[in-house]
Amino acid sequence: MSKILIVEDELAISKVLQAYLKKANFETDIALDGETALEKFDQMNPALVLLDVMLPGRDGWHVLKEIRKKSDCPVIMLTALSDVNYRLDGLNNGADDYIAKPFIGDEVIARVRAVLRRYEKGDQHIKQFGQLQIDLEAHRVSLFQREIELTPRDLALLLFLSENPNKTFTREQLIEHVWGWDYDGSDRAVDLSIKRLRKALGDWPVTEGEIKTLRGVGYQLSVQK
Protein backbone atom coordinates (compact mmCIF):
# COMPACT_ATOMS: atom_id res chain seq x y z
CA MET A 1 0.00 0.00 0.00
CA SER A 2 1.55 3.32 -1.13
CA LYS A 3 2.00 6.00 1.52
CA ILE A 4 0.85 9.55 0.77
CA LEU A 5 1.85 12.53 2.91
CA ILE A 6 -0.78 15.31 2.84
CA VAL A 7 0.68 18.74 3.67
CA GLU A 8 -2.20 21.21 4.00
CA ASP A 9 -2.78 23.76 6.76
CA GLU A 10 -6.59 23.68 6.48
CA LEU A 11 -7.62 20.62 8.47
CA ALA A 12 -10.98 20.28 6.73
CA ILE A 13 -9.31 20.05 3.31
CA SER A 14 -6.72 17.62 4.68
CA LYS A 15 -9.46 15.36 6.01
CA VAL A 16 -11.31 15.41 2.68
CA LEU A 17 -8.12 14.47 0.82
CA GLN A 18 -7.39 11.77 3.37
CA ALA A 19 -10.86 10.28 2.96
CA TYR A 20 -10.54 10.12 -0.84
CA LEU A 21 -7.06 8.61 -0.67
CA LYS A 22 -8.05 6.00 1.90
CA LYS A 23 -11.02 5.02 -0.24
CA ALA A 24 -8.55 4.51 -3.09
CA ASN A 25 -6.47 2.21 -0.83
CA PHE A 26 -3.64 4.63 -0.05
CA GLU A 27 -2.09 4.91 3.40
CA THR A 28 -2.01 8.53 4.53
CA ASP A 29 -0.68 10.95 7.10
CA ILE A 30 -1.29 14.67 7.55
CA ALA A 31 1.01 17.60 8.32
CA LEU A 32 -0.47 21.04 8.95
CA ASP A 33 2.74 23.08 8.60
CA GLY A 34 6.07 22.94 6.81
CA GLU A 35 8.22 22.00 9.79
CA THR A 36 6.00 19.04 10.67
CA ALA A 37 5.90 18.05 7.00
CA LEU A 38 9.68 17.67 6.83
CA GLU A 39 9.75 15.69 10.07
CA LYS A 40 7.01 13.33 8.88
CA PHE A 41 8.64 13.00 5.46
CA ASP A 42 11.78 11.56 7.10
CA GLN A 43 9.77 9.29 9.38
CA MET A 44 7.24 8.08 6.83
CA ASN A 45 9.29 7.79 3.61
CA PRO A 46 6.15 8.42 1.50
CA ALA A 47 5.62 7.30 -2.08
CA LEU A 48 4.21 10.77 -2.90
CA VAL A 49 3.59 14.15 -1.25
CA LEU A 50 0.56 16.38 -1.77
CA LEU A 51 1.99 19.78 -0.86
CA ASP A 52 0.08 23.02 -0.34
CA VAL A 53 1.94 26.19 -1.31
CA MET A 54 0.58 28.48 1.40
CA LEU A 55 1.68 27.07 4.75
CA PRO A 56 2.43 28.69 8.12
CA GLY A 57 6.13 28.95 8.92
CA ARG A 58 8.00 27.23 6.11
CA ASP A 59 5.90 27.55 2.95
CA GLY A 60 5.45 24.90 0.29
CA TRP A 61 8.32 26.20 -1.85
CA HIS A 62 10.72 25.82 1.06
CA VAL A 63 9.43 22.33 1.88
CA LEU A 64 9.79 21.30 -1.77
CA LYS A 65 13.36 22.61 -1.83
CA GLU A 66 14.28 20.67 1.31
CA ILE A 67 12.68 17.47 -0.02
CA ARG A 68 14.60 17.78 -3.28
CA LYS A 69 17.89 18.05 -1.39
CA LYS A 70 17.50 14.47 -0.19
CA SER A 71 14.90 12.70 -2.30
CA ASP A 72 13.29 12.45 -5.74
CA CYS A 73 9.96 11.46 -4.17
CA PRO A 74 7.10 12.69 -6.40
CA VAL A 75 5.47 15.93 -5.21
CA ILE A 76 2.13 17.34 -6.38
CA MET A 77 1.60 20.98 -5.45
CA LEU A 78 -1.80 22.20 -4.20
CA THR A 79 -2.75 25.86 -4.30
CA ALA A 80 -5.63 28.29 -4.62
CA LEU A 81 -3.40 30.51 -6.74
CA SER A 82 -4.49 30.29 -10.38
CA ASP A 83 -1.69 32.39 -11.92
CA VAL A 84 0.21 30.28 -14.45
CA ASN A 85 3.52 31.67 -13.17
CA TYR A 86 2.99 29.91 -9.85
CA ARG A 87 2.46 26.66 -11.69
CA LEU A 88 5.63 27.16 -13.70
CA ASP A 89 7.56 28.01 -10.53
CA GLY A 90 6.42 24.76 -8.95
CA LEU A 91 7.31 22.62 -11.94
CA ASN A 92 10.65 24.37 -12.48
CA ASN A 93 11.57 23.82 -8.83
CA GLY A 94 11.04 20.09 -8.87
CA ALA A 95 7.30 19.53 -8.52
CA ASP A 96 5.87 16.66 -10.56
CA ASP A 97 2.37 18.03 -11.04
CA TYR A 98 0.10 20.88 -9.99
CA ILE A 99 -3.54 20.93 -8.85
CA ALA A 100 -5.41 24.20 -8.34
CA LYS A 101 -8.11 24.61 -5.69
CA PRO A 102 -10.99 24.05 -5.63
CA PHE A 103 -10.42 20.52 -6.86
CA ILE A 104 -12.50 17.39 -7.36
CA GLY A 105 -11.47 14.43 -5.23
CA ASP A 106 -11.55 12.03 -8.16
CA GLU A 107 -9.20 14.31 -10.09
CA VAL A 108 -6.71 14.24 -7.22
CA ILE A 109 -6.77 10.44 -7.16
CA ALA A 110 -6.30 10.29 -10.92
CA ARG A 111 -3.34 12.70 -10.75
CA VAL A 112 -1.76 10.78 -7.88
CA ARG A 113 -2.02 7.49 -9.74
CA ALA A 114 -0.69 9.00 -12.97
CA VAL A 115 2.36 10.52 -11.25
CA LEU A 116 3.10 7.28 -9.41
CA ARG A 117 2.88 5.32 -12.68
CA ARG A 118 5.29 7.72 -14.39
CA TYR A 119 7.66 7.58 -11.47
CA GLU A 120 7.66 3.79 -11.22
CA LYS A 121 7.98 3.31 -14.98
CA GLY A 122 10.78 5.81 -15.36
CA ASP A 123 12.84 4.60 -12.42
CA GLN A 124 12.60 0.83 -12.57
CA HIS A 125 16.39 0.65 -12.41
CA ILE A 126 16.44 2.86 -9.32
CA LYS A 127 15.86 1.24 -5.93
CA GLN A 128 15.01 3.77 -3.25
CA PHE A 129 14.96 2.62 0.35
CA GLY A 130 14.50 5.79 2.37
CA GLN A 131 17.76 7.70 2.16
CA LEU A 132 19.54 4.81 0.43
CA GLN A 133 19.44 4.89 -3.37
CA ILE A 134 20.79 2.06 -5.53
CA ASP A 135 21.11 2.55 -9.28
CA LEU A 136 21.13 -0.93 -10.82
CA GLU A 137 22.16 0.31 -14.26
CA ALA A 138 24.87 2.76 -13.27
CA HIS A 139 26.07 0.47 -10.44
CA ARG A 140 26.04 3.43 -8.08
CA VAL A 141 25.04 3.54 -4.41
CA SER A 142 24.35 6.74 -2.50
CA LEU A 143 23.25 7.47 1.04
CA PHE A 144 21.86 10.91 1.90
CA GLN A 145 22.82 11.77 -1.72
CA ARG A 146 26.50 11.01 -1.03
CA GLU A 147 27.99 8.29 -3.20
CA ILE A 148 29.38 5.27 -1.33
CA GLU A 149 32.53 3.59 -2.59
CA LEU A 150 32.31 -0.21 -2.54
CA THR A 151 34.50 -2.99 -3.84
CA PRO A 152 33.14 -4.63 -7.01
CA ARG A 153 32.17 -7.77 -5.09
CA ASP A 154 30.48 -5.89 -2.24
CA LEU A 155 28.63 -3.78 -4.79
CA ALA A 156 27.47 -6.88 -6.67
CA LEU A 157 26.20 -8.38 -3.42
CA LEU A 158 24.28 -5.23 -2.47
CA LEU A 159 22.79 -4.96 -5.97
CA PHE A 160 21.57 -8.55 -5.78
CA LEU A 161 20.03 -8.08 -2.33
CA SER A 162 18.37 -4.83 -3.42
CA GLU A 163 16.68 -6.62 -6.32
CA ASN A 164 15.26 -9.09 -3.82
CA PRO A 165 14.33 -7.03 -0.73
CA ASN A 166 13.04 -8.85 2.34
CA LYS A 167 14.04 -12.21 0.87
CA THR A 168 16.49 -14.39 2.79
CA PHE A 169 19.41 -16.11 1.09
CA THR A 170 21.83 -18.69 2.46
CA ARG A 171 25.58 -18.26 2.05
CA GLU A 172 25.50 -20.94 -0.64
CA GLN A 173 22.80 -19.12 -2.61
CA LEU A 174 24.69 -15.83 -2.41
CA ILE A 175 27.88 -17.53 -3.52
CA GLU A 176 26.03 -18.98 -6.52
CA HIS A 177 24.33 -15.72 -7.53
CA VAL A 178 27.12 -13.24 -6.76
CA TRP A 179 30.44 -15.09 -6.72
CA GLY A 180 29.52 -17.60 -9.40
CA TRP A 181 29.17 -21.39 -9.48
CA ASP A 182 32.89 -21.88 -10.20
CA TYR A 183 34.00 -20.04 -7.03
CA ASP A 184 36.14 -22.38 -4.96
CA GLY A 185 36.92 -20.20 -1.94
CA SER A 186 35.40 -20.21 1.55
CA ASP A 187 31.78 -19.26 2.07
CA ARG A 188 33.02 -17.04 4.90
CA ALA A 189 33.72 -14.52 2.14
CA VAL A 190 29.99 -13.77 2.28
CA ASP A 191 30.22 -12.91 5.99
CA LEU A 192 33.16 -10.58 5.37
CA SER A 193 31.37 -8.86 2.50
CA ILE A 194 28.25 -8.38 4.63
CA LYS A 195 30.40 -6.93 7.41
CA ARG A 196 31.95 -4.39 5.02
CA LEU A 197 28.53 -3.43 3.62
CA ARG A 198 27.15 -2.82 7.10
CA LYS A 199 30.08 -0.57 7.89
CA ALA A 200 29.64 1.35 4.63
CA LEU A 201 25.92 1.78 5.34
CA GLY A 202 26.46 2.68 8.98
CA ASP A 203 24.53 5.97 8.70
CA TRP A 204 21.46 4.35 7.13
CA PRO A 205 18.58 4.69 9.64
CA VAL A 206 17.50 1.29 10.92
CA THR A 207 13.92 2.54 10.69
CA GLU A 208 14.32 2.47 6.89
CA GLY A 209 16.19 -0.79 6.52
CA GLU A 210 19.19 -2.93 7.34
CA ILE A 211 21.12 -5.96 6.22
CA LYS A 212 19.72 -8.52 8.60
CA THR A 213 21.11 -11.86 9.72
CA LEU A 214 18.63 -14.67 10.28
CA ARG A 215 20.48 -17.14 12.45
CA GLY A 216 20.79 -20.54 10.89
CA VAL A 217 19.22 -19.29 7.66
CA GLY A 218 21.11 -16.48 5.96
CA TYR A 219 21.01 -12.80 5.09
CA GLN A 220 18.44 -10.38 3.71
CA LEU A 221 18.09 -6.72 2.87
CA SER A 222 15.24 -5.92 5.24
CA VAL A 223 13.44 -2.72 4.22
CA GLN A 224 10.29 -0.86 5.16
CA LYS A 225 7.59 -1.02 2.49
C-alpha atoms as a PDB file:
ATOM      1  CA  MET A   1       0.000   0.000   0.000  1.00  0.00           C
ATOM      2  CA  SER A   2       1.548   3.318  -1.126  1.00  0.00           C
ATOM      3  CA  LYS A   3       2.001   6.000   1.523  1.00  0.00           C
ATOM      4  CA  ILE A   4       0.854   9.553   0.768  1.00  0.00           C
ATOM      5  CA  LEU A   5       1.848  12.533   2.913  1.00  0.00           C
ATOM      6  CA  ILE A   6      -0.777  15.312   2.839  1.00  0.00           C
ATOM      7  CA  VAL A   7       0.684  18.741   3.667  1.00  0.00           C
ATOM      8  CA  GLU A   8      -2.204  21.207   3.997  1.00  0.00           C
ATOM      9  CA  ASP A   9      -2.782  23.762   6.762  1.00  0.00           C
ATOM     10  CA  GLU A  10      -6.594  23.681   6.483  1.00  0.00           C
ATOM     11  CA  LEU A  11      -7.617  20.616   8.475  1.00  0.00           C
ATOM     12  CA  ALA A  12     -10.984  20.279   6.728  1.00  0.00           C
ATOM     13  CA  ILE A  13      -9.306  20.052   3.307  1.00  0.00           C
ATOM     14  CA  SER A  14      -6.719  17.620   4.680  1.00  0.00           C
ATOM     15  CA  LYS A  15      -9.460  15.362   6.012  1.00  0.00           C
ATOM     16  CA  VAL A  16     -11.314  15.405   2.680  1.00  0.00           C
ATOM     17  CA  LEU A  17      -8.124  14.469   0.821  1.00  0.00           C
ATOM     18  CA  GLN A  18      -7.393  11.772   3.366  1.00  0.00           C
ATOM     19  CA  ALA A  19     -10.863  10.281   2.957  1.00  0.00           C
ATOM     20  CA  TYR A  20     -10.541  10.124  -0.837  1.00  0.00           C
ATOM     21  CA  LEU A  21      -7.065   8.610  -0.675  1.00  0.00           C
ATOM     22  CA  LYS A  22      -8.046   6.000   1.903  1.00  0.00           C
ATOM     23  CA  LYS A  23     -11.024   5.021  -0.236  1.00  0.00           C
ATOM     24  CA  ALA A  24      -8.546   4.510  -3.091  1.00  0.00           C
ATOM     25  CA  ASN A  25      -6.467   2.213  -0.826  1.00  0.00           C
ATOM     26  CA  PHE A  26      -3.641   4.627  -0.050  1.00  0.00           C
ATOM     27  CA  GLU A  27      -2.087   4.908   3.397  1.00  0.00           C
ATOM     28  CA  THR A  28      -2.008   8.532   4.532  1.00  0.00           C
ATOM     29  CA  ASP A  29      -0.676  10.947   7.100  1.00  0.00           C
ATOM     30  CA  ILE A  30      -1.289  14.673   7.546  1.00  0.00           C
ATOM     31  CA  ALA A  31       1.014  17.603   8.317  1.00  0.00           C
ATOM     32  CA  LEU A  32      -0.473  21.044   8.948  1.00  0.00           C
ATOM     33  CA  ASP A  33       2.741  23.079   8.599  1.00  0.00           C
ATOM     34  CA  GLY A  34       6.073  22.938   6.807  1.00  0.00           C
ATOM     35  CA  GLU A  35       8.223  22.000   9.792  1.00  0.00           C
ATOM     36  CA  THR A  36       6.005  19.040  10.667  1.00  0.00           C
ATOM     37  CA  ALA A  37       5.903  18.046   6.999  1.00  0.00           C
ATOM     38  CA  LEU A  38       9.680  17.667   6.830  1.00  0.00           C
ATOM     39  CA  GLU A  39       9.753  15.688  10.069  1.00  0.00           C
ATOM     40  CA  LYS A  40       7.013  13.330   8.878  1.00  0.00           C
ATOM     41  CA  PHE A  41       8.643  12.997   5.465  1.00  0.00           C
ATOM     42  CA  ASP A  42      11.781  11.562   7.098  1.00  0.00           C
ATOM     43  CA  GLN A  43       9.774   9.293   9.380  1.00  0.00           C
ATOM     44  CA  MET A  44       7.244   8.081   6.825  1.00  0.00           C
ATOM     45  CA  ASN A  45       9.285   7.785   3.609  1.00  0.00           C
ATOM     46  CA  PRO A  46       6.148   8.418   1.499  1.00  0.00           C
ATOM     47  CA  ALA A  47       5.620   7.304  -2.084  1.00  0.00           C
ATOM     48  CA  LEU A  48       4.210  10.767  -2.903  1.00  0.00           C
ATOM     49  CA  VAL A  49       3.592  14.145  -1.251  1.00  0.00           C
ATOM     50  CA  LEU A  50       0.558  16.382  -1.766  1.00  0.00           C
ATOM     51  CA  LEU A  51       1.992  19.776  -0.858  1.00  0.00           C
ATOM     52  CA  ASP A  52       0.082  23.021  -0.342  1.00  0.00           C
ATOM     53  CA  VAL A  53       1.936  26.190  -1.313  1.00  0.00           C
ATOM     54  CA  MET A  54       0.581  28.477   1.397  1.00  0.00           C
ATOM     55  CA  LEU A  55       1.681  27.065   4.754  1.00  0.00           C
ATOM     56  CA  PRO A  56       2.434  28.690   8.121  1.00  0.00           C
ATOM     57  CA  GLY A  57       6.131  28.950   8.918  1.00  0.00           C
ATOM     58  CA  ARG A  58       8.000  27.225   6.108  1.00  0.00           C
ATOM     59  CA  ASP A  59       5.905  27.545   2.954  1.00  0.00           C
ATOM     60  CA  GLY A  60       5.450  24.904   0.293  1.00  0.00           C
ATOM     61  CA  TRP A  61       8.321  26.197  -1.848  1.00  0.00           C
ATOM     62  CA  HIS A  62      10.720  25.823   1.058  1.00  0.00           C
ATOM     63  CA  VAL A  63       9.431  22.333   1.884  1.00  0.00           C
ATOM     64  CA  LEU A  64       9.795  21.298  -1.766  1.00  0.00           C
ATOM     65  CA  LYS A  65      13.357  22.609  -1.831  1.00  0.00           C
ATOM     66  CA  GLU A  66      14.277  20.666   1.311  1.00  0.00           C
ATOM     67  CA  ILE A  67      12.684  17.465  -0.023  1.00  0.00           C
ATOM     68  CA  ARG A  68      14.602  17.782  -3.283  1.00  0.00           C
ATOM     69  CA  LYS A  69      17.890  18.053  -1.387  1.00  0.00           C
ATOM     70  CA  LYS A  70      17.504  14.469  -0.190  1.00  0.00           C
ATOM     71  CA  SER A  71      14.895  12.705  -2.303  1.00  0.00           C
ATOM     72  CA  ASP A  72      13.287  12.451  -5.739  1.00  0.00           C
ATOM     73  CA  CYS A  73       9.958  11.456  -4.173  1.00  0.00           C
ATOM     74  CA  PRO A  74       7.099  12.686  -6.404  1.00  0.00           C
ATOM     75  CA  VAL A  75       5.471  15.930  -5.215  1.00  0.00           C
ATOM     76  CA  ILE A  76       2.133  17.344  -6.383  1.00  0.00           C
ATOM     77  CA  MET A  77       1.595  20.984  -5.454  1.00  0.00           C
ATOM     78  CA  LEU A  78      -1.798  22.199  -4.199  1.00  0.00           C
ATOM     79  CA  THR A  79      -2.754  25.861  -4.296  1.00  0.00           C
ATOM     80  CA  ALA A  80      -5.628  28.294  -4.615  1.00  0.00           C
ATOM     81  CA  LEU A  81      -3.403  30.512  -6.744  1.00  0.00           C
ATOM     82  CA  SER A  82      -4.488  30.294 -10.379  1.00  0.00           C
ATOM     83  CA  ASP A  83      -1.693  32.393 -11.922  1.00  0.00           C
ATOM     84  CA  VAL A  84       0.205  30.281 -14.447  1.00  0.00           C
ATOM     85  CA  ASN A  85       3.522  31.671 -13.171  1.00  0.00           C
ATOM     86  CA  TYR A  86       2.994  29.913  -9.850  1.00  0.00           C
ATOM     87  CA  ARG A  87       2.458  26.656 -11.691  1.00  0.00           C
ATOM     88  CA  LEU A  88       5.627  27.156 -13.699  1.00  0.00           C
ATOM     89  CA  ASP A  89       7.560  28.007 -10.525  1.00  0.00           C
ATOM     90  CA  GLY A  90       6.425  24.763  -8.945  1.00  0.00           C
ATOM     91  CA  LEU A  91       7.307  22.615 -11.939  1.00  0.00           C
ATOM     92  CA  ASN A  92      10.650  24.369 -12.476  1.00  0.00           C
ATOM     93  CA  ASN A  93      11.575  23.823  -8.832  1.00  0.00           C
ATOM     94  CA  GLY A  94      11.037  20.086  -8.866  1.00  0.00           C
ATOM     95  CA  ALA A  95       7.297  19.527  -8.515  1.00  0.00           C
ATOM     96  CA  ASP A  96       5.874  16.659 -10.563  1.00  0.00           C
ATOM     97  CA  ASP A  97       2.371  18.033 -11.039  1.00  0.00           C
ATOM     98  CA  TYR A  98       0.105  20.878  -9.986  1.00  0.00           C
ATOM     99  CA  ILE A  99      -3.543  20.928  -8.846  1.00  0.00           C
ATOM    100  CA  ALA A 100      -5.415  24.198  -8.341  1.00  0.00           C
ATOM    101  CA  LYS A 101      -8.113  24.614  -5.692  1.00  0.00           C
ATOM    102  CA  PRO A 102     -10.990  24.052  -5.630  1.00  0.00           C
ATOM    103  CA  PHE A 103     -10.417  20.517  -6.861  1.00  0.00           C
ATOM    104  CA  ILE A 104     -12.503  17.395  -7.356  1.00  0.00           C
ATOM    105  CA  GLY A 105     -11.467  14.430  -5.226  1.00  0.00           C
ATOM    106  CA  ASP A 106     -11.555  12.026  -8.160  1.00  0.00           C
ATOM    107  CA  GLU A 107      -9.204  14.310 -10.088  1.00  0.00           C
ATOM    108  CA  VAL A 108      -6.707  14.243  -7.217  1.00  0.00           C
ATOM    109  CA  ILE A 109      -6.768  10.435  -7.159  1.00  0.00           C
ATOM    110  CA  ALA A 110      -6.296  10.290 -10.921  1.00  0.00           C
ATOM    111  CA  ARG A 111      -3.337  12.698 -10.751  1.00  0.00           C
ATOM    112  CA  VAL A 112      -1.755  10.784  -7.883  1.00  0.00           C
ATOM    113  CA  ARG A 113      -2.016   7.488  -9.740  1.00  0.00           C
ATOM    114  CA  ALA A 114      -0.693   9.005 -12.968  1.00  0.00           C
ATOM    115  CA  VAL A 115       2.355  10.517 -11.252  1.00  0.00           C
ATOM    116  CA  LEU A 116       3.097   7.277  -9.406  1.00  0.00           C
ATOM    117  CA  ARG A 117       2.876   5.324 -12.677  1.00  0.00           C
ATOM    118  CA  ARG A 118       5.289   7.715 -14.392  1.00  0.00           C
ATOM    119  CA  TYR A 119       7.663   7.578 -11.471  1.00  0.00           C
ATOM    120  CA  GLU A 120       7.655   3.787 -11.222  1.00  0.00           C
ATOM    121  CA  LYS A 121       7.979   3.309 -14.982  1.00  0.00           C
ATOM    122  CA  GLY A 122      10.778   5.813 -15.360  1.00  0.00           C
ATOM    123  CA  ASP A 123      12.835   4.600 -12.416  1.00  0.00           C
ATOM    124  CA  GLN A 124      12.602   0.831 -12.567  1.00  0.00           C
ATOM    125  CA  HIS A 125      16.389   0.652 -12.405  1.00  0.00           C
ATOM    126  CA  ILE A 126      16.444   2.862  -9.316  1.00  0.00           C
ATOM    127  CA  LYS A 127      15.860   1.237  -5.930  1.00  0.00           C
ATOM    128  CA  GLN A 128      15.006   3.770  -3.251  1.00  0.00           C
ATOM    129  CA  PHE A 129      14.963   2.621   0.352  1.00  0.00           C
ATOM    130  CA  GLY A 130      14.497   5.786   2.375  1.00  0.00           C
ATOM    131  CA  GLN A 131      17.765   7.701   2.161  1.00  0.00           C
ATOM    132  CA  LEU A 132      19.535   4.805   0.431  1.00  0.00           C
ATOM    133  CA  GLN A 133      19.439   4.886  -3.370  1.00  0.00           C
ATOM    134  CA  ILE A 134      20.787   2.063  -5.531  1.00  0.00           C
ATOM    135  CA  ASP A 135      21.115   2.551  -9.285  1.00  0.00           C
ATOM    136  CA  LEU A 136      21.131  -0.927 -10.816  1.00  0.00           C
ATOM    137  CA  GLU A 137      22.163   0.305 -14.257  1.00  0.00           C
ATOM    138  CA  ALA A 138      24.874   2.756 -13.265  1.00  0.00           C
ATOM    139  CA  HIS A 139      26.070   0.470 -10.438  1.00  0.00           C
ATOM    140  CA  ARG A 140      26.036   3.425  -8.080  1.00  0.00           C
ATOM    141  CA  VAL A 141      25.045   3.538  -4.412  1.00  0.00           C
ATOM    142  CA  SER A 142      24.349   6.736  -2.500  1.00  0.00           C
ATOM    143  CA  LEU A 143      23.251   7.471   1.043  1.00  0.00           C
ATOM    144  CA  PHE A 144      21.861  10.908   1.902  1.00  0.00           C
ATOM    145  CA  GLN A 145      22.820  11.769  -1.719  1.00  0.00           C
ATOM    146  CA  ARG A 146      26.503  11.006  -1.030  1.00  0.00           C
ATOM    147  CA  GLU A 147      27.993   8.288  -3.197  1.00  0.00           C
ATOM    148  CA  ILE A 148      29.381   5.273  -1.334  1.00  0.00           C
ATOM    149  CA  GLU A 149      32.534   3.594  -2.587  1.00  0.00           C
ATOM    150  CA  LEU A 150      32.310  -0.210  -2.540  1.00  0.00           C
ATOM    151  CA  THR A 151      34.503  -2.989  -3.845  1.00  0.00           C
ATOM    152  CA  PRO A 152      33.135  -4.629  -7.015  1.00  0.00           C
ATOM    153  CA  ARG A 153      32.174  -7.772  -5.089  1.00  0.00           C
ATOM    154  CA  ASP A 154      30.483  -5.891  -2.242  1.00  0.00           C
ATOM    155  CA  LEU A 155      28.634  -3.777  -4.792  1.00  0.00           C
ATOM    156  CA  ALA A 156      27.474  -6.875  -6.670  1.00  0.00           C
ATOM    157  CA  LEU A 157      26.198  -8.385  -3.419  1.00  0.00           C
ATOM    158  CA  LEU A 158      24.284  -5.233  -2.475  1.00  0.00           C
ATOM    159  CA  LEU A 159      22.791  -4.961  -5.967  1.00  0.00           C
ATOM    160  CA  PHE A 160      21.570  -8.549  -5.776  1.00  0.00           C
ATOM    161  CA  LEU A 161      20.034  -8.084  -2.331  1.00  0.00           C
ATOM    162  CA  SER A 162      18.368  -4.832  -3.418  1.00  0.00           C
ATOM    163  CA  GLU A 163      16.684  -6.616  -6.323  1.00  0.00           C
ATOM    164  CA  ASN A 164      15.262  -9.094  -3.816  1.00  0.00           C
ATOM    165  CA  PRO A 165      14.327  -7.026  -0.731  1.00  0.00           C
ATOM    166  CA  ASN A 166      13.036  -8.851   2.341  1.00  0.00           C
ATOM    167  CA  LYS A 167      14.036 -12.211   0.874  1.00  0.00           C
ATOM    168  CA  THR A 168      16.491 -14.389   2.789  1.00  0.00           C
ATOM    169  CA  PHE A 169      19.415 -16.112   1.087  1.00  0.00           C
ATOM    170  CA  THR A 170      21.832 -18.690   2.463  1.00  0.00           C
ATOM    171  CA  ARG A 171      25.578 -18.264   2.048  1.00  0.00           C
ATOM    172  CA  GLU A 172      25.503 -20.944  -0.636  1.00  0.00           C
ATOM    173  CA  GLN A 173      22.804 -19.122  -2.610  1.00  0.00           C
ATOM    174  CA  LEU A 174      24.688 -15.832  -2.410  1.00  0.00           C
ATOM    175  CA  ILE A 175      27.882 -17.534  -3.523  1.00  0.00           C
ATOM    176  CA  GLU A 176      26.029 -18.977  -6.519  1.00  0.00           C
ATOM    177  CA  HIS A 177      24.326 -15.724  -7.530  1.00  0.00           C
ATOM    178  CA  VAL A 178      27.116 -13.244  -6.760  1.00  0.00           C
ATOM    179  CA  TRP A 179      30.442 -15.089  -6.718  1.00  0.00           C
ATOM    180  CA  GLY A 180      29.519 -17.604  -9.402  1.00  0.00           C
ATOM    181  CA  TRP A 181      29.167 -21.392  -9.483  1.00  0.00           C
ATOM    182  CA  ASP A 182      32.894 -21.878 -10.205  1.00  0.00           C
ATOM    183  CA  TYR A 183      34.003 -20.041  -7.034  1.00  0.00           C
ATOM    184  CA  ASP A 184      36.143 -22.381  -4.959  1.00  0.00           C
ATOM    185  CA  GLY A 185      36.920 -20.200  -1.942  1.00  0.00           C
ATOM    186  CA  SER A 186      35.400 -20.213   1.550  1.00  0.00           C
ATOM    187  CA  ASP A 187      31.776 -19.258   2.067  1.00  0.00           C
ATOM    188  CA  ARG A 188      33.022 -17.036   4.899  1.00  0.00           C
ATOM    189  CA  ALA A 189      33.715 -14.521   2.138  1.00  0.00           C
ATOM    190  CA  VAL A 190      29.993 -13.768   2.281  1.00  0.00           C
ATOM    191  CA  ASP A 191      30.222 -12.911   5.987  1.00  0.00           C
ATOM    192  CA  LEU A 192      33.162 -10.576   5.375  1.00  0.00           C
ATOM    193  CA  SER A 193      31.367  -8.858   2.496  1.00  0.00           C
ATOM    194  CA  ILE A 194      28.249  -8.381   4.628  1.00  0.00           C
ATOM    195  CA  LYS A 195      30.396  -6.932   7.413  1.00  0.00           C
ATOM    196  CA  ARG A 196      31.951  -4.391   5.019  1.00  0.00           C
ATOM    197  CA  LEU A 197      28.530  -3.433   3.623  1.00  0.00           C
ATOM    198  CA  ARG A 198      27.149  -2.821   7.102  1.00  0.00           C
ATOM    199  CA  LYS A 199      30.080  -0.574   7.885  1.00  0.00           C
ATOM    200  CA  ALA A 200      29.638   1.345   4.625  1.00  0.00           C
ATOM    201  CA  LEU A 201      25.916   1.782   5.336  1.00  0.00           C
ATOM    202  CA  GLY A 202      26.456   2.680   8.982  1.00  0.00           C
ATOM    203  CA  ASP A 203      24.531   5.968   8.705  1.00  0.00           C
ATOM    204  CA  TRP A 204      21.464   4.351   7.129  1.00  0.00           C
ATOM    205  CA  PRO A 205      18.576   4.691   9.635  1.00  0.00           C
ATOM    206  CA  VAL A 206      17.500   1.290  10.921  1.00  0.00           C
ATOM    207  CA  THR A 207      13.917   2.542  10.688  1.00  0.00           C
ATOM    208  CA  GLU A 208      14.316   2.473   6.887  1.00  0.00           C
ATOM    209  CA  GLY A 209      16.186  -0.788   6.520  1.00  0.00           C
ATOM    210  CA  GLU A 210      19.191  -2.928   7.344  1.00  0.00           C
ATOM    211  CA  ILE A 211      21.124  -5.964   6.221  1.00  0.00           C
ATOM    212  CA  LYS A 212      19.717  -8.515   8.602  1.00  0.00           C
ATOM    213  CA  THR A 213      21.113 -11.861   9.725  1.00  0.00           C
ATOM    214  CA  LEU A 214      18.634 -14.666  10.284  1.00  0.00           C
ATOM    215  CA  ARG A 215      20.481 -17.140  12.449  1.00  0.00           C
ATOM    216  CA  GLY A 216      20.789 -20.543  10.890  1.00  0.00           C
ATOM    217  CA  VAL A 217      19.218 -19.293   7.658  1.00  0.00           C
ATOM    218  CA  GLY A 218      21.107 -16.479   5.963  1.00  0.00           C
ATOM    219  CA  TYR A 219      21.009 -12.802   5.086  1.00  0.00           C
ATOM    220  CA  GLN A 220      18.441 -10.381   3.712  1.00  0.00           C
ATOM    221  CA  LEU A 221      18.094  -6.717   2.870  1.00  0.00           C
ATOM    222  CA  SER A 222      15.241  -5.916   5.243  1.00  0.00           C
ATOM    223  CA  VAL A 223      13.441  -2.724   4.223  1.00  0.00           C
ATOM    224  CA  GLN A 224      10.288  -0.860   5.163  1.00  0.00           C
ATOM    225  CA  LYS A 225       7.586  -1.016   2.491  1.00  0.00           C
END
